[in-house]
Amino acid sequence: MWLDMDMTLELEMSLRLLAAVLFGSIIGFERVKSNHSAGLRTHILVCLASAGIMALGEVIVSDGRFINDVQRMGAGVIGGIGFLGAGCIMANGNRVRGLTTAAGILATSVVGLITGMGYYVLAAVMTVIMILVFTALHPLTLRLQKNNAMESCRYVISLRDGASVAELLDWLVLHTPSLLQTKTSDEEVVVEVGGLTNKMANRLFTDLQKRREVKGVAIFYDEN
């Protein structure tokens, strides 16, 4: 009888591990299609390991031992996954990449924890939500990033005869987030402005065209 109970429990835990592999595969497959660094194998292993920890915890509880340690086991998984996620984050100038991948790895570990506890429906729902976030929201994210991308722009400003260069520079200092470089002559002013979104860069271009001392403006984008 005791052997039958052990066998039943082990079969149940094995089913949970297989379910974790399935959920991790679904998430990882989408990441592979999107050409992200953490792909199929990473997500499978994260989900499987998390499920294994929780399955082991339930086995321990069924034996009446170390009940308090089970909660710490789950918390330890989350802490350990943080280091894995940190390895996916890369900073380049004022741009940070890999945050979604890191968050996806963390969420995959939670799917594994849920699966390891035997809540298959909840794990499946969370997997579906993650896929929707990765896919359905991706076009919207790209559009928002395009509109709000921080960049530096170079403006070549042609001046009218008798224009005050000092007055124009004073105006630029007041109306730009960061004036990086300036090069002036009697005929033109060349300035590089940093910290602009696309919308801000276009608005500055329009405002410069309206100034009385300006004859013409050319803008050159230099994305970070």
C-alpha atoms as a PDB file:
ATOM      1  CA  MET A   1       0.000   0.000   0.000  1.00  0.00           C
ATOM      2  CA  TRP A   2       2.778   2.427   0.934  1.00  0.00           C
ATOM      3  CA  LEU A   3       4.585   1.489  -2.276  1.00  0.00           C
ATOM      4  CA  ASP A   4       1.437   2.225  -4.275  1.00  0.00           C
ATOM      5  CA  MET A   5       1.150   5.653  -2.639  1.00  0.00           C
ATOM      6  CA  ASP A   6       4.779   6.426  -3.402  1.00  0.00           C
ATOM      7  CA  MET A   7       4.334   5.322  -7.002  1.00  0.00           C
ATOM      8  CA  THR A   8       1.192   7.421  -7.412  1.00  0.00           C
ATOM      9  CA  LEU A   9       2.936  10.468  -5.979  1.00  0.00           C
ATOM     10  CA  GLU A  10       5.961   9.999  -8.212  1.00  0.00           C
ATOM     11  CA  LEU A  11       3.757   9.622 -11.282  1.00  0.00           C
ATOM     12  CA  GLU A  12       1.938  12.825 -10.365  1.00  0.00           C
ATOM     13  CA  MET A  13       5.223  14.676  -9.900  1.00  0.00           C
ATOM     14  CA  SER A  14       6.507  13.302 -13.213  1.00  0.00           C
ATOM     15  CA  LEU A  15       3.363  14.570 -14.922  1.00  0.00           C
ATOM     16  CA  ARG A  16       3.996  18.006 -13.460  1.00  0.00           C
ATOM     17  CA  LEU A  17       7.554  18.010 -14.771  1.00  0.00           C
ATOM     18  CA  LEU A  18       6.357  17.035 -18.246  1.00  0.00           C
ATOM     19  CA  ALA A  19       3.745  19.792 -18.114  1.00  0.00           C
ATOM     20  CA  ALA A  20       6.478  22.251 -17.142  1.00  0.00           C
ATOM     21  CA  VAL A  21       8.503  21.152 -20.179  1.00  0.00           C
ATOM     22  CA  LEU A  22       5.435  21.754 -22.355  1.00  0.00           C
ATOM     23  CA  PHE A  23       4.763  25.237 -20.974  1.00  0.00           C
ATOM     24  CA  GLY A  24       8.441  26.172 -21.129  1.00  0.00           C
ATOM     25  CA  SER A  25       8.594  24.947 -24.733  1.00  0.00           C
ATOM     26  CA  ILE A  26       5.648  27.107 -25.757  1.00  0.00           C
ATOM     27  CA  ILE A  27       7.210  30.220 -24.245  1.00  0.00           C
ATOM     28  CA  GLY A  28      10.698  29.406 -25.500  1.00  0.00           C
ATOM     29  CA  PHE A  29       9.488  28.716 -29.044  1.00  0.00           C
ATOM     30  CA  GLU A  30       8.055  32.214 -29.288  1.00  0.00           C
ATOM     31  CA  ARG A  31      11.349  33.666 -28.035  1.00  0.00           C
ATOM     32  CA  VAL A  32      13.277  31.697 -30.667  1.00  0.00           C
ATOM     33  CA  LYS A  33      11.001  33.021 -33.409  1.00  0.00           C
ATOM     34  CA  SER A  34      11.731  36.553 -32.175  1.00  0.00           C
ATOM     35  CA  ASN A  35      15.517  35.927 -32.240  1.00  0.00           C
ATOM     36  CA  HIS A  36      16.069  36.557 -28.529  1.00  0.00           C
ATOM     37  CA  SER A  37      19.140  35.383 -26.660  1.00  0.00           C
ATOM     38  CA  ALA A  38      17.220  33.256 -24.147  1.00  0.00           C
ATOM     39  CA  GLY A  39      15.488  30.715 -26.345  1.00  0.00           C
ATOM     40  CA  LEU A  40      13.874  27.300 -26.278  1.00  0.00           C
ATOM     41  CA  ARG A  41      16.294  25.364 -24.073  1.00  0.00           C
ATOM     42  CA  THR A  42      16.701  28.177 -21.549  1.00  0.00           C
ATOM     43  CA  HIS A  43      12.968  28.553 -20.979  1.00  0.00           C
ATOM     44  CA  ILE A  44      12.412  24.800 -20.808  1.00  0.00           C
ATOM     45  CA  LEU A  45      15.142  24.390 -18.206  1.00  0.00           C
ATOM     46  CA  VAL A  46      13.971  27.378 -16.147  1.00  0.00           C
ATOM     47  CA  CYS A  47      10.389  26.107 -16.096  1.00  0.00           C
ATOM     48  CA  LEU A  48      11.457  22.513 -15.460  1.00  0.00           C
ATOM     49  CA  ALA A  49      13.838  23.427 -12.635  1.00  0.00           C
ATOM     50  CA  SER A  50      11.227  25.607 -10.945  1.00  0.00           C
ATOM     51  CA  ALA A  51       8.613  22.869 -11.216  1.00  0.00           C
ATOM     52  CA  GLY A  52      11.107  20.331  -9.912  1.00  0.00           C
ATOM     53  CA  ILE A  53      11.811  22.434  -6.838  1.00  0.00           C
ATOM     54  CA  MET A  54       8.123  22.755  -5.987  1.00  0.00           C
ATOM     55  CA  ALA A  55       7.434  19.089  -6.742  1.00  0.00           C
ATOM     56  CA  LEU A  56      10.271  18.126  -4.430  1.00  0.00           C
ATOM     57  CA  GLY A  57       8.828  20.435  -1.798  1.00  0.00           C
ATOM     58  CA  GLU A  58       5.470  18.697  -2.004  1.00  0.00           C
ATOM     59  CA  VAL A  59       7.125  15.297  -1.666  1.00  0.00           C
ATOM     60  CA  ILE A  60       8.905  16.552   1.440  1.00  0.00           C
ATOM     61  CA  VAL A  61       5.626  17.838   2.875  1.00  0.00           C
ATOM     62  CA  SER A  62       3.928  14.512   2.162  1.00  0.00           C
ATOM     63  CA  ASP A  63       6.562  12.864   4.343  1.00  0.00           C
ATOM     64  CA  GLY A  64       5.800  15.334   7.140  1.00  0.00           C
ATOM     65  CA  ARG A  65       9.274  16.864   7.096  1.00  0.00           C
ATOM     66  CA  PHE A  66      10.675  20.384   6.715  1.00  0.00           C
ATOM     67  CA  ILE A  67       7.353  22.072   6.002  1.00  0.00           C
ATOM     68  CA  ASN A  68       8.761  25.543   6.598  1.00  0.00           C
ATOM     69  CA  ASP A  69      11.600  24.938   4.155  1.00  0.00           C
ATOM     70  CA  VAL A  70       9.238  24.479   1.198  1.00  0.00           C
ATOM     71  CA  GLN A  71       8.317  28.162   1.095  1.00  0.00           C
ATOM     72  CA  ARG A  72      11.973  29.121   1.210  1.00  0.00           C
ATOM     73  CA  MET A  73      12.672  26.754  -1.680  1.00  0.00           C
ATOM     74  CA  GLY A  74      10.266  28.656  -3.928  1.00  0.00           C
ATOM     75  CA  ALA A  75      11.700  31.984  -2.818  1.00  0.00           C
ATOM     76  CA  GLY A  76      15.184  30.668  -3.535  1.00  0.00           C
ATOM     77  CA  VAL A  77      14.162  29.872  -7.110  1.00  0.00           C
ATOM     78  CA  ILE A  78      13.010  33.443  -7.691  1.00  0.00           C
ATOM     79  CA  GLY A  79      16.249  34.810  -6.246  1.00  0.00           C
ATOM     80  CA  GLY A  80      18.383  32.518  -8.369  1.00  0.00           C
ATOM     81  CA  ILE A  81      16.476  33.346 -11.538  1.00  0.00           C
ATOM     82  CA  GLY A  82      17.274  37.014 -10.905  1.00  0.00           C
ATOM     83  CA  PHE A  83      20.945  36.349 -11.621  1.00  0.00           C
ATOM     84  CA  LEU A  84      20.064  34.552 -14.858  1.00  0.00           C
ATOM     85  CA  GLY A  85      17.839  37.419 -15.947  1.00  0.00           C
ATOM     86  CA  ALA A  86      20.525  39.975 -15.141  1.00  0.00           C
ATOM     87  CA  GLY A  87      22.814  38.254 -17.628  1.00  0.00           C
ATOM     88  CA  CYS A  88      20.320  39.015 -20.410  1.00  0.00           C
ATOM     89  CA  ILE A  89      20.300  42.771 -19.792  1.00  0.00           C
ATOM     90  CA  MET A  90      22.670  44.912 -21.832  1.00  0.00           C
ATOM     91  CA  ALA A  91      23.101  48.677 -21.692  1.00  0.00           C
ATOM     92  CA  ASN A  92      24.299  50.715 -24.656  1.00  0.00           C
ATOM     93  CA  GLY A  93      24.373  54.438 -24.077  1.00  0.00           C
ATOM     94  CA  ASN A  94      20.919  55.477 -22.956  1.00  0.00           C
ATOM     95  CA  ARG A  95      19.331  52.303 -24.318  1.00  0.00           C
ATOM     96  CA  VAL A  96      18.787  49.141 -22.322  1.00  0.00           C
ATOM     97  CA  ARG A  97      18.079  45.833 -24.025  1.00  0.00           C
ATOM     98  CA  GLY A  98      17.029  42.496 -22.621  1.00  0.00           C
ATOM     99  CA  LEU A  99      14.571  43.666 -19.975  1.00  0.00           C
ATOM    100  CA  THR A 100      11.686  41.801 -21.608  1.00  0.00           C
ATOM    101  CA  THR A 101      13.814  38.668 -21.913  1.00  0.00           C
ATOM    102  CA  ALA A 102      14.785  38.883 -18.237  1.00  0.00           C
ATOM    103  CA  ALA A 103      11.175  39.440 -17.200  1.00  0.00           C
ATOM    104  CA  GLY A 104      10.133  36.519 -19.403  1.00  0.00           C
ATOM    105  CA  ILE A 105      12.620  34.223 -17.696  1.00  0.00           C
ATOM    106  CA  LEU A 106      11.298  35.278 -14.295  1.00  0.00           C
ATOM    107  CA  ALA A 107       7.699  34.739 -15.406  1.00  0.00           C
ATOM    108  CA  THR A 108       8.638  31.337 -16.852  1.00  0.00           C
ATOM    109  CA  SER A 109      10.058  30.336 -13.485  1.00  0.00           C
ATOM    110  CA  VAL A 110       6.743  31.293 -11.879  1.00  0.00           C
ATOM    111  CA  VAL A 111       4.919  29.126 -14.439  1.00  0.00           C
ATOM    112  CA  GLY A 112       7.212  26.306 -13.375  1.00  0.00           C
ATOM    113  CA  LEU A 113       6.506  26.898  -9.702  1.00  0.00           C
ATOM    114  CA  ILE A 114       2.762  26.881 -10.339  1.00  0.00           C
ATOM    115  CA  THR A 115       3.036  23.714 -12.420  1.00  0.00           C
ATOM    116  CA  GLY A 116       5.137  22.060  -9.744  1.00  0.00           C
ATOM    117  CA  MET A 117       2.349  22.705  -7.271  1.00  0.00           C
ATOM    118  CA  GLY A 118      -0.126  20.970  -9.579  1.00  0.00           C
ATOM    119  CA  TYR A 119      -2.176  23.987 -10.729  1.00  0.00           C
ATOM    120  CA  TYR A 120      -2.168  23.119 -14.425  1.00  0.00           C
ATOM    121  CA  VAL A 121      -5.000  25.415 -15.502  1.00  0.00           C
ATOM    122  CA  LEU A 122      -3.441  28.415 -13.765  1.00  0.00           C
ATOM    123  CA  ALA A 123      -0.076  27.623 -15.357  1.00  0.00           C
ATOM    124  CA  ALA A 124      -1.697  27.285 -18.787  1.00  0.00           C
ATOM    125  CA  VAL A 125      -3.522  30.606 -18.400  1.00  0.00           C
ATOM    126  CA  MET A 126      -0.313  32.357 -17.387  1.00  0.00           C
ATOM    127  CA  THR A 127       1.493  30.818 -20.367  1.00  0.00           C
ATOM    128  CA  VAL A 128      -1.190  32.101 -22.749  1.00  0.00           C
ATOM    129  CA  ILE A 129      -1.009  35.574 -21.213  1.00  0.00           C
ATOM    130  CA  MET A 130       2.775  35.608 -21.608  1.00  0.00           C
ATOM    131  CA  ILE A 131       2.531  34.633 -25.287  1.00  0.00           C
ATOM    132  CA  LEU A 132      -0.024  37.404 -25.849  1.00  0.00           C
ATOM    133  CA  VAL A 133       2.262  39.928 -24.151  1.00  0.00           C
ATOM    134  CA  PHE A 134       5.221  38.813 -26.272  1.00  0.00           C
ATOM    135  CA  THR A 135       3.322  38.808 -29.579  1.00  0.00           C
ATOM    136  CA  ALA A 136       0.191  40.958 -29.540  1.00  0.00           C
ATOM    137  CA  LEU A 137       1.802  43.864 -27.682  1.00  0.00           C
ATOM    138  CA  HIS A 138       5.051  43.795 -29.681  1.00  0.00           C
ATOM    139  CA  PRO A 139       3.844  46.060 -32.557  1.00  0.00           C
ATOM    140  CA  LEU A 140       2.447  48.585 -30.079  1.00  0.00           C
ATOM    141  CA  THR A 141       5.722  48.562 -28.142  1.00  0.00           C
ATOM    142  CA  LEU A 142       7.728  49.215 -31.301  1.00  0.00           C
ATOM    143  CA  ARG A 143       5.473  52.132 -32.194  1.00  0.00           C
ATOM    144  CA  LEU A 144       5.802  53.678 -28.742  1.00  0.00           C
ATOM    145  CA  GLN A 145       9.575  53.196 -28.749  1.00  0.00           C
ATOM    146  CA  LYS A 146       9.822  54.849 -32.143  1.00  0.00           C
ATOM    147  CA  ASN A 147       7.862  57.868 -30.947  1.00  0.00           C
ATOM    148  CA  ASN A 148       9.803  58.161 -27.688  1.00  0.00           C
ATOM    149  CA  ALA A 149      13.304  57.094 -28.718  1.00  0.00           C
ATOM    150  CA  MET A 150      15.963  59.348 -27.205  1.00  0.00           C
ATOM    151  CA  GLU A 151      18.521  60.536 -29.712  1.00  0.00           C
ATOM    152  CA  SER A 152      20.833  63.376 -30.609  1.00  0.00           C
ATOM    153  CA  CYS A 153      20.233  65.570 -33.643  1.00  0.00           C
ATOM    154  CA  ARG A 154      22.441  67.950 -35.560  1.00  0.00           C
ATOM    155  CA  TYR A 155      20.840  71.147 -36.813  1.00  0.00           C
ATOM    156  CA  VAL A 156      22.468  73.219 -39.545  1.00  0.00           C
ATOM    157  CA  ILE A 157      20.900  76.663 -39.308  1.00  0.00           C
ATOM    158  CA  SER A 158      21.409  79.195 -42.113  1.00  0.00           C
ATOM    159  CA  LEU A 159      21.245  82.785 -40.891  1.00  0.00           C
ATOM    160  CA  ARG A 160      19.892  85.937 -42.481  1.00  0.00           C
ATOM    161  CA  ASP A 161      22.135  88.954 -42.915  1.00  0.00           C
ATOM    162  CA  GLY A 162      22.704  90.792 -39.652  1.00  0.00           C
ATOM    163  CA  ALA A 163      21.305  87.969 -37.524  1.00  0.00           C
ATOM    164  CA  SER A 164      22.411  87.796 -33.888  1.00  0.00           C
ATOM    165  CA  VAL A 165      24.200  84.503 -33.281  1.00  0.00           C
ATOM    166  CA  ALA A 166      24.317  85.123 -29.524  1.00  0.00           C
ATOM    167  CA  GLU A 167      20.561  85.660 -29.353  1.00  0.00           C
ATOM    168  CA  LEU A 168      19.912  82.430 -31.235  1.00  0.00           C
ATOM    169  CA  LEU A 169      22.257  80.459 -28.975  1.00  0.00           C
ATOM    170  CA  ASP A 170      20.582  81.876 -25.875  1.00  0.00           C
ATOM    171  CA  TRP A 171      17.231  80.727 -27.245  1.00  0.00           C
ATOM    172  CA  LEU A 172      18.598  77.251 -27.964  1.00  0.00           C
ATOM    173  CA  VAL A 173      19.936  76.916 -24.422  1.00  0.00           C
ATOM    174  CA  LEU A 174      16.483  77.685 -23.041  1.00  0.00           C
ATOM    175  CA  HIS A 175      14.544  75.452 -25.436  1.00  0.00           C
ATOM    176  CA  THR A 176      16.658  72.294 -25.693  1.00  0.00           C
ATOM    177  CA  PRO A 177      17.257  69.528 -23.114  1.00  0.00           C
ATOM    178  CA  SER A 178      20.996  69.309 -23.762  1.00  0.00           C
ATOM    179  CA  LEU A 179      23.115  71.426 -26.104  1.00  0.00           C
ATOM    180  CA  LEU A 180      26.089  69.153 -26.814  1.00  0.00           C
ATOM    181  CA  GLN A 181      28.134  71.024 -29.423  1.00  0.00           C
ATOM    182  CA  THR A 182      27.997  74.332 -31.245  1.00  0.00           C
ATOM    183  CA  LYS A 183      29.856  75.683 -34.252  1.00  0.00           C
ATOM    184  CA  THR A 184      29.116  79.195 -35.388  1.00  0.00           C
ATOM    185  CA  SER A 185      29.940  81.582 -38.192  1.00  0.00           C
ATOM    186  CA  ASP A 186      28.316  84.692 -39.619  1.00  0.00           C
ATOM    187  CA  GLU A 187      26.378  82.616 -42.163  1.00  0.00           C
ATOM    188  CA  GLU A 188      25.311  79.552 -40.178  1.00  0.00           C
ATOM    189  CA  VAL A 189      25.125  77.872 -36.808  1.00  0.00           C
ATOM    190  CA  VAL A 190      25.634  74.126 -36.384  1.00  0.00           C
ATOM    191  CA  VAL A 191      24.383  72.661 -33.102  1.00  0.00           C
ATOM    192  CA  GLU A 192      24.097  69.130 -31.766  1.00  0.00           C
ATOM    193  CA  VAL A 193      21.220  68.628 -29.363  1.00  0.00           C
ATOM    194  CA  GLY A 194      20.895  65.535 -27.148  1.00  0.00           C
ATOM    195  CA  GLY A 195      18.058  63.968 -25.174  1.00  0.00           C
ATOM    196  CA  LEU A 196      15.387  64.493 -27.825  1.00  0.00           C
ATOM    197  CA  THR A 197      12.465  62.289 -28.712  1.00  0.00           C
ATOM    198  CA  ASN A 198      11.386  62.236 -32.351  1.00  0.00           C
ATOM    199  CA  LYS A 199       8.486  64.518 -31.519  1.00  0.00           C
ATOM    200  CA  MET A 200      10.729  66.991 -29.682  1.00  0.00           C
ATOM    201  CA  ALA A 201      13.255  67.012 -32.534  1.00  0.00           C
ATOM    202  CA  ASN A 202      10.577  67.803 -35.097  1.00  0.00           C
ATOM    203  CA  ARG A 203       9.054  70.513 -32.923  1.00  0.00           C
ATOM    204  CA  LEU A 204      12.455  72.164 -32.451  1.00  0.00           C
ATOM    205  CA  PHE A 205      12.958  72.050 -36.226  1.00  0.00           C
ATOM    206  CA  THR A 206       9.614  73.806 -36.760  1.00  0.00           C
ATOM    207  CA  ASP A 207      10.300  76.427 -34.076  1.00  0.00           C
ATOM    208  CA  LEU A 208      13.692  77.241 -35.586  1.00  0.00           C
ATOM    209  CA  GLN A 209      12.140  77.779 -38.996  1.00  0.00           C
ATOM    210  CA  LYS A 210       9.798  80.372 -37.490  1.00  0.00           C
ATOM    211  CA  ARG A 211      12.556  82.532 -36.014  1.00  0.00           C
ATOM    212  CA  ARG A 212      13.202  85.797 -37.828  1.00  0.00           C
ATOM    213  CA  GLU A 213      16.998  85.428 -37.939  1.00  0.00           C
ATOM    214  CA  VAL A 214      16.816  81.965 -39.511  1.00  0.00           C
ATOM    215  CA  LYS A 215      16.853  81.589 -43.299  1.00  0.00           C
ATOM    216  CA  GLY A 216      16.765  77.792 -43.405  1.00  0.00           C
ATOM    217  CA  VAL A 217      17.239  74.684 -41.258  1.00  0.00           C
ATOM    218  CA  ALA A 218      18.495  71.187 -42.014  1.00  0.00           C
ATOM    219  CA  ILE A 219      18.244  68.363 -39.480  1.00  0.00           C
ATOM    220  CA  PHE A 220      20.370  65.212 -39.265  1.00  0.00           C
ATOM    221  CA  TYR A 221      19.441  62.366 -36.925  1.00  0.00           C
ATOM    222  CA  ASP A 222      22.131  60.476 -35.026  1.00  0.00           C
ATOM    223  CA  GLU A 223      20.491  57.631 -33.094  1.00  0.00           C
ATOM    224  CA  ASN A 224      22.290  56.304 -30.021  1.00  0.00           C
END
